[in-house]
Amino acid sequence: MAELAYTEAELMSDLPVARPHVVAGRRMHGGFDADGRYIPPRAAGRERAIADWTHALRQRGGELFAADASLLTGPRMPNLEQQRLLLREGIGVPFWNNLTTTGKIEGRGRILAEMQFPDLAQIVAEDVSTMAIGHLGKGLLKAHGIDEGGEPARGIGGHDVMWFVARDLVFGADAYPDVEPPESISRPEAGRRWMPELPAPYEGLLSFLMNLLMIEFRAEIGFASTQAILRTPDLFADRREAAEEAAEIVERIREDERIHVTSLRLYLGELRACRLRTVDGGTVSGAEVIDRFWSGLVNWATVEQPRLAAEQQRLALEPLFDRHPEGARIRAAFDACSDLGPARLAQAAVG
């Protein structure tokens, strides 16, 4: 019979590695086996536990939450071809900024290792002690957070440092000024109740998990695009080997993120299969609550947010075009491969 109760030590345990993960003198998490294959961090107990809990969920008639990155449509700015165009024209700031802000956003994820989350045993009618959702505060979210933000006290970088190393491989250190990411990349939730039948702290936790899954999906699309740029043969011509190594670092990040996505889909799948205690003393189907919130989040992430973000990014590019001696030509070529329609594009260009 599969083991369904795990200790934090088990969920944080590492697989053995033949050599550590070091690039350009920077130590990062994970390592490599004797054949040079990348070994993700904290994978020994966590991967086994996720597989066991998934099997148990299916035995109860449930399933992983049915969502993946393919649901995210909408314009991107710059899109893949636009980013390639900018780099070919010597405009590297947008790609540098993208790599920098991605690393900083990943680093913020370390808060998962430090936050105190409400105990779902208090709101889920079923026994959660042998479910993944019964282990969120017993190592699962801590492992996720350390994956993102590393272990600075031990000199081991997480995804934040991996992005900075990849960036510096292709641009060199301090090639452009530092940049800060937006304060939040989740859907604004302040002051709104989407699950009023639940106590507010638990609504906050469920909202957090679903927003986190959506962020992971958006990241997957962005990471794949970044790899395609790094592997474009005519870009970074004087640093081709470094660019290929940077693309490999991104692939290692993507491998790490797969367990995050699977874990989040498992948490939500378990919650959908349970009944949740309501503020009026009754219960409500987890599926009803989860699906209602997710539907609104998907609308924001696929309709509202992408177009607004693309328009804002297009406006931010105007000064770069204005300063370039061939700015008018580059602007026209850039807009010719835009994901925005003509009317939206014209509006975005003038603010």
Protein backbone atom coordinates (compact mmCIF):
# COMPACT_ATOMS: atom_id res chain seq x y z
CA MET A 1 0.00 0.00 0.00
CA ALA A 2 1.32 3.46 -0.92
CA GLU A 3 2.56 5.70 1.86
CA LEU A 4 0.27 8.72 2.18
CA ALA A 5 1.62 10.51 5.26
CA TYR A 6 5.03 12.14 4.87
CA THR A 7 7.29 14.10 7.17
CA GLU A 8 8.76 17.45 6.22
CA ALA A 9 12.20 15.86 6.12
CA GLU A 10 10.98 13.32 3.56
CA LEU A 11 9.33 15.98 1.39
CA MET A 12 12.49 18.10 1.49
CA SER A 13 14.88 15.23 0.74
CA ASP A 14 17.24 15.27 -2.25
CA LEU A 15 18.20 12.60 -4.71
CA PRO A 16 21.94 11.83 -4.80
CA VAL A 17 24.01 13.75 -7.36
CA ALA A 18 27.42 13.05 -8.85
CA ARG A 19 28.32 16.74 -9.10
CA PRO A 20 26.72 20.00 -8.00
CA HIS A 21 25.04 22.54 -10.26
CA VAL A 22 27.62 25.28 -10.80
CA VAL A 23 27.72 27.67 -13.77
CA ALA A 24 30.06 30.65 -14.13
CA GLY A 25 31.17 30.15 -10.54
CA ARG A 26 27.62 30.38 -9.17
CA ARG A 27 26.28 27.48 -7.11
CA MET A 28 22.64 26.69 -7.83
CA HIS A 29 20.29 24.03 -6.58
CA GLY A 30 20.03 20.54 -8.01
CA GLY A 31 22.91 18.69 -9.58
CA PHE A 32 23.84 16.11 -12.18
CA ASP A 33 24.05 12.34 -12.21
CA ALA A 34 27.03 10.39 -13.52
CA ASP A 35 25.71 10.71 -17.09
CA GLY A 36 25.30 14.47 -16.86
CA ARG A 37 21.51 14.46 -16.52
CA TYR A 38 20.06 17.25 -14.40
CA ILE A 39 18.58 16.20 -11.04
CA PRO A 40 16.02 18.67 -9.62
CA PRO A 41 16.23 19.68 -5.96
CA ARG A 42 14.11 18.17 -3.20
CA ALA A 43 12.81 15.52 -5.58
CA ALA A 44 13.33 12.27 -3.65
CA GLY A 45 10.35 12.22 -1.31
CA ARG A 46 8.31 14.91 -3.03
CA GLU A 47 8.00 13.16 -6.39
CA ARG A 48 7.09 9.87 -4.73
CA ALA A 49 4.52 11.58 -2.51
CA ILE A 50 2.89 13.44 -5.40
CA ALA A 51 2.59 10.17 -7.33
CA ASP A 52 1.10 8.37 -4.32
CA TRP A 53 -1.42 11.12 -3.56
CA THR A 54 -2.41 11.34 -7.22
CA HIS A 55 -3.06 7.60 -7.31
CA ALA A 56 -5.11 7.81 -4.12
CA LEU A 57 -7.16 10.70 -5.51
CA ARG A 58 -7.96 8.70 -8.63
CA GLN A 59 -8.89 5.70 -6.50
CA ARG A 60 -11.47 7.94 -4.81
CA GLY A 61 -12.88 8.95 -8.20
CA GLY A 62 -11.10 12.30 -8.40
CA GLU A 63 -8.57 13.67 -10.84
CA LEU A 64 -5.88 16.33 -11.11
CA PHE A 65 -7.36 19.76 -11.78
CA ALA A 66 -8.04 19.89 -15.52
CA ALA A 67 -6.02 22.87 -16.71
CA ASP A 68 -2.77 23.52 -18.53
CA ALA A 69 -0.87 26.37 -20.17
CA SER A 70 -2.72 25.92 -23.48
CA LEU A 71 -5.71 27.81 -22.07
CA LEU A 72 -3.70 31.04 -22.09
CA THR A 73 -4.31 32.91 -25.30
CA GLY A 74 -4.16 36.59 -26.09
CA PRO A 75 -1.49 38.97 -27.34
CA ARG A 76 2.08 39.06 -26.08
CA MET A 77 4.34 42.09 -26.32
CA PRO A 78 7.00 41.63 -27.45
CA ASN A 79 6.11 38.29 -28.99
CA LEU A 80 8.80 35.89 -30.14
CA GLU A 81 9.39 37.44 -33.56
CA GLN A 82 9.28 40.98 -32.19
CA GLN A 83 11.89 40.12 -29.56
CA ARG A 84 14.13 38.60 -32.21
CA LEU A 85 13.72 41.73 -34.33
CA LEU A 86 14.71 44.00 -31.46
CA LEU A 87 17.81 41.97 -30.68
CA ARG A 88 18.87 41.91 -34.33
CA GLU A 89 18.59 45.69 -34.35
CA GLY A 90 20.77 45.99 -31.27
CA ILE A 91 17.90 46.79 -28.90
CA GLY A 92 18.65 44.44 -26.05
CA VAL A 93 17.02 46.27 -23.15
CA PRO A 94 13.58 44.57 -23.40
CA PHE A 95 15.07 41.06 -23.32
CA TRP A 96 17.48 42.00 -20.53
CA ASN A 97 14.58 43.47 -18.57
CA ASN A 98 12.53 40.34 -19.15
CA LEU A 99 15.26 38.05 -17.82
CA THR A 100 15.90 40.34 -14.86
CA THR A 101 12.27 40.75 -13.81
CA THR A 102 11.62 37.03 -14.27
CA GLY A 103 14.46 36.26 -11.88
CA LYS A 104 13.20 38.76 -9.33
CA ILE A 105 9.63 37.48 -9.53
CA GLU A 106 10.92 33.94 -9.04
CA GLY A 107 12.88 35.14 -6.03
CA ARG A 108 9.73 36.55 -4.47
CA GLY A 109 8.37 33.02 -4.48
CA ARG A 110 10.61 32.21 -1.55
CA ILE A 111 7.91 33.69 0.64
CA LEU A 112 6.14 30.33 0.28
CA ALA A 113 8.84 28.86 2.52
CA GLU A 114 8.22 31.48 5.19
CA MET A 115 4.47 32.15 5.22
CA GLN A 116 2.04 30.61 7.68
CA PHE A 117 -0.97 29.19 5.87
CA PRO A 118 -4.32 28.28 7.46
CA ASP A 119 -4.79 24.59 8.21
CA LEU A 120 -7.17 23.10 5.66
CA ALA A 121 -8.11 20.39 8.17
CA GLN A 122 -10.28 23.05 9.81
CA ILE A 123 -12.42 23.60 6.73
CA VAL A 124 -12.33 20.35 4.74
CA ALA A 125 -14.98 17.92 5.94
CA GLU A 126 -12.91 14.87 4.96
CA ASP A 127 -9.71 13.72 6.67
CA VAL A 128 -6.81 15.49 4.92
CA SER A 129 -4.00 13.84 6.87
CA THR A 130 -3.27 11.45 4.00
CA MET A 131 -3.77 14.01 1.22
CA ALA A 132 -1.37 16.51 -0.30
CA ILE A 133 -3.53 19.37 1.03
CA GLY A 134 -2.82 18.06 4.52
CA HIS A 135 0.90 18.58 3.91
CA LEU A 136 0.96 22.14 2.55
CA GLY A 137 2.41 23.41 5.81
CA LYS A 138 4.48 20.28 6.36
CA GLY A 139 7.06 20.77 3.64
CA LEU A 140 5.27 21.07 0.30
CA LEU A 141 5.01 24.85 0.09
CA LYS A 142 8.35 25.26 1.84
CA ALA A 143 10.04 23.14 -0.84
CA HIS A 144 8.28 25.13 -3.57
CA GLY A 145 9.44 28.42 -2.07
CA ILE A 146 13.06 27.33 -1.71
CA ASP A 147 13.02 26.10 -5.32
CA GLU A 148 12.14 29.64 -6.36
CA GLY A 149 14.30 31.73 -4.04
CA GLY A 150 17.09 29.34 -3.11
CA GLU A 151 19.01 29.10 0.14
CA PRO A 152 21.00 32.34 0.34
CA ALA A 153 22.44 31.50 3.76
CA ARG A 154 24.06 28.40 2.26
CA GLY A 155 25.15 30.16 -0.92
CA ILE A 156 22.81 28.06 -3.08
CA GLY A 157 20.74 29.90 -5.65
CA GLY A 158 17.26 28.96 -6.75
CA HIS A 159 15.40 29.98 -9.88
CA ASP A 160 16.13 33.63 -9.19
CA VAL A 161 19.89 33.13 -9.45
CA MET A 162 19.49 30.73 -12.38
CA TRP A 163 17.78 33.48 -14.38
CA PHE A 164 20.46 36.02 -13.49
CA VAL A 165 23.20 33.58 -14.52
CA ALA A 166 21.44 32.89 -17.83
CA ARG A 167 21.07 36.64 -18.43
CA ASP A 168 24.72 37.37 -17.70
CA LEU A 169 25.90 34.54 -19.93
CA VAL A 170 24.41 36.22 -23.00
CA PHE A 171 24.71 39.91 -22.10
CA GLY A 172 27.54 40.07 -19.59
CA ALA A 173 27.10 41.40 -16.08
CA ASP A 174 25.59 44.89 -15.71
CA ALA A 175 25.02 45.30 -19.44
CA TYR A 176 21.97 47.48 -18.76
CA PRO A 177 20.53 49.24 -15.70
CA ASP A 178 18.72 47.17 -13.11
CA VAL A 179 14.94 47.00 -13.32
CA GLU A 180 12.18 46.08 -10.88
CA PRO A 181 9.15 43.92 -11.72
CA PRO A 182 5.55 45.00 -11.07
CA GLU A 183 4.49 44.82 -7.45
CA SER A 184 2.05 42.02 -8.26
CA ILE A 185 1.37 39.80 -11.27
CA SER A 186 -1.72 38.12 -9.82
CA ARG A 187 -5.29 39.21 -10.40
CA PRO A 188 -6.14 42.07 -8.02
CA GLU A 189 -8.30 40.57 -5.28
CA ALA A 190 -8.24 43.27 -2.58
CA GLY A 191 -11.67 44.07 -1.18
CA ARG A 192 -13.49 41.48 -3.28
CA ARG A 193 -15.09 38.28 -2.04
CA TRP A 194 -15.31 35.55 -4.65
CA MET A 195 -16.08 32.76 -2.17
CA PRO A 196 -18.17 34.49 0.51
CA GLU A 197 -19.49 31.21 1.91
CA LEU A 198 -15.98 30.38 3.17
CA PRO A 199 -14.11 32.05 6.03
CA ALA A 200 -11.92 34.80 4.55
CA PRO A 201 -8.53 33.20 5.40
CA TYR A 202 -9.48 30.04 3.53
CA GLU A 203 -10.82 31.96 0.57
CA GLY A 204 -7.45 33.70 0.53
CA LEU A 205 -5.59 30.39 0.50
CA LEU A 206 -7.68 28.91 -2.32
CA SER A 207 -7.38 32.13 -4.31
CA PHE A 208 -3.62 32.09 -3.73
CA LEU A 209 -3.25 28.51 -5.00
CA MET A 210 -5.27 29.18 -8.15
CA ASN A 211 -3.47 32.43 -8.91
CA LEU A 212 -0.17 30.63 -8.37
CA LEU A 213 -1.15 27.93 -10.87
CA MET A 214 -2.09 30.59 -13.42
CA ILE A 215 1.27 32.30 -12.89
CA GLU A 216 3.00 28.96 -13.47
CA PHE A 217 1.12 28.55 -16.76
CA ARG A 218 2.06 32.05 -17.91
CA ALA A 219 5.65 31.39 -16.91
CA GLU A 220 5.77 28.18 -18.94
CA ILE A 221 4.80 30.05 -22.10
CA GLY A 222 7.35 32.77 -21.39
CA PHE A 223 10.11 30.28 -20.58
CA ALA A 224 9.57 28.40 -23.84
CA SER A 225 9.78 31.68 -25.76
CA THR A 226 12.97 32.62 -23.93
CA GLN A 227 14.58 29.33 -24.89
CA ALA A 228 13.59 29.84 -28.52
CA ILE A 229 15.24 33.26 -28.49
CA LEU A 230 18.42 31.96 -26.86
CA ARG A 231 18.61 29.14 -29.42
CA THR A 232 18.14 31.40 -32.46
CA PRO A 233 21.38 30.84 -34.42
CA ASP A 234 21.95 34.43 -35.57
CA LEU A 235 21.40 36.01 -32.14
CA PHE A 236 24.20 36.48 -29.60
CA ALA A 237 26.60 35.47 -32.38
CA ASP A 238 29.67 36.31 -30.31
CA ARG A 239 28.31 34.28 -27.38
CA ARG A 240 26.67 31.29 -29.08
CA GLU A 241 28.01 28.68 -26.66
CA ALA A 242 27.00 30.84 -23.71
CA ALA A 243 23.52 31.31 -25.21
CA GLU A 244 23.11 27.55 -25.58
CA GLU A 245 24.17 27.09 -21.97
CA ALA A 246 21.69 29.77 -20.90
CA ALA A 247 18.94 27.88 -22.75
CA GLU A 248 19.92 24.73 -20.86
CA ILE A 249 19.61 26.59 -17.56
CA VAL A 250 16.09 27.64 -18.56
CA GLU A 251 15.32 24.00 -19.38
CA ARG A 252 16.42 23.02 -15.87
CA ILE A 253 14.09 25.66 -14.44
CA ARG A 254 11.26 24.28 -16.55
CA GLU A 255 11.99 20.78 -15.28
CA ASP A 256 11.80 22.05 -11.70
CA GLU A 257 8.55 23.87 -12.44
CA ARG A 258 6.82 20.73 -13.69
CA ILE A 259 6.52 19.40 -10.16
CA HIS A 260 5.09 22.76 -9.08
CA VAL A 261 2.38 22.58 -11.73
CA THR A 262 1.58 18.94 -10.98
CA SER A 263 1.46 19.69 -7.26
CA LEU A 264 -0.89 22.65 -7.67
CA ARG A 265 -3.17 20.65 -9.96
CA LEU A 266 -3.19 17.92 -7.31
CA TYR A 267 -4.06 20.32 -4.48
CA LEU A 268 -6.96 21.75 -6.47
CA GLY A 269 -8.08 18.30 -7.60
CA GLU A 270 -8.20 17.13 -4.00
CA LEU A 271 -10.11 20.23 -2.93
CA ARG A 272 -12.63 19.76 -5.75
CA ALA A 273 -13.30 16.23 -4.52
CA CYS A 274 -13.98 17.36 -0.94
CA ARG A 275 -16.73 19.23 0.85
CA LEU A 276 -15.81 22.53 2.48
CA ARG A 277 -17.33 23.85 5.70
CA THR A 278 -19.13 27.16 5.25
CA VAL A 279 -19.54 30.14 7.57
CA ASP A 280 -23.21 29.27 8.16
CA GLY A 281 -22.38 25.82 9.52
CA GLY A 282 -23.14 23.88 6.35
CA THR A 283 -20.91 22.50 3.63
CA VAL A 284 -20.38 23.23 -0.04
CA SER A 285 -18.86 21.17 -2.82
CA GLY A 286 -15.23 22.05 -3.34
CA ALA A 287 -15.78 21.72 -7.08
CA GLU A 288 -18.46 24.41 -7.00
CA VAL A 289 -16.22 26.90 -5.23
CA ILE A 290 -13.04 26.10 -7.17
CA ASP A 291 -14.70 26.11 -10.59
CA ARG A 292 -16.53 29.38 -9.97
CA PHE A 293 -13.36 31.21 -8.99
CA TRP A 294 -11.27 29.60 -11.72
CA SER A 295 -13.73 30.64 -14.43
CA GLY A 296 -13.37 34.29 -13.48
CA LEU A 297 -9.60 33.99 -13.19
CA VAL A 298 -9.34 32.45 -16.65
CA ASN A 299 -11.37 35.31 -18.12
CA TRP A 300 -9.01 37.82 -16.53
CA ALA A 301 -5.90 35.92 -17.61
CA THR A 302 -7.02 35.30 -21.20
CA VAL A 303 -9.11 38.36 -22.06
CA GLU A 304 -8.49 41.30 -19.75
CA GLN A 305 -4.87 41.08 -18.61
CA PRO A 306 -2.97 40.08 -21.81
CA ARG A 307 -4.32 42.90 -23.95
CA LEU A 308 -3.82 45.52 -21.26
CA ALA A 309 -0.28 44.30 -20.55
CA ALA A 310 0.56 44.25 -24.27
CA GLU A 311 -0.70 47.80 -24.74
CA GLN A 312 1.30 49.04 -21.75
CA GLN A 313 4.45 47.30 -22.97
CA ARG A 314 4.03 48.70 -26.48
CA LEU A 315 3.81 52.22 -25.07
CA ALA A 316 6.94 51.62 -22.97
CA LEU A 317 8.89 50.72 -26.13
CA GLU A 318 8.30 54.09 -27.80
CA PRO A 319 11.32 55.83 -26.21
CA LEU A 320 13.59 53.03 -27.47
CA PHE A 321 12.33 53.53 -31.02
CA ASP A 322 12.64 57.31 -30.71
CA ARG A 323 16.29 57.09 -29.63
CA HIS A 324 17.33 54.68 -32.38
CA PRO A 325 18.62 56.25 -35.64
CA GLU A 326 16.52 53.74 -37.59
CA GLY A 327 13.62 53.97 -35.18
CA ALA A 328 10.87 54.61 -37.73
CA ARG A 329 11.84 51.58 -39.81
CA ILE A 330 12.19 49.34 -36.75
CA ARG A 331 8.87 50.54 -35.32
CA ALA A 332 7.09 49.70 -38.58
CA ALA A 333 8.67 46.25 -38.77
CA PHE A 334 7.92 45.64 -35.10
CA ASP A 335 4.26 46.57 -35.46
CA ALA A 336 3.92 44.48 -38.61
CA CYS A 337 4.32 41.31 -36.54
CA SER A 338 2.25 42.46 -33.55
CA ASP A 339 -0.38 40.30 -31.88
CA LEU A 340 -2.53 43.40 -31.35
CA GLY A 341 -5.11 44.40 -33.93
CA PRO A 342 -4.59 47.67 -35.86
CA ALA A 343 -6.95 49.74 -33.70
CA ARG A 344 -5.46 48.53 -30.43
CA LEU A 345 -1.96 48.95 -31.82
CA ALA A 346 -2.59 52.57 -32.79
CA GLN A 347 -4.05 53.26 -29.36
CA ALA A 348 -1.11 51.59 -27.60
CA ALA A 349 1.45 53.61 -29.56
CA VAL A 350 0.08 56.93 -28.32
CA GLY A 351 -1.06 55.92 -24.82
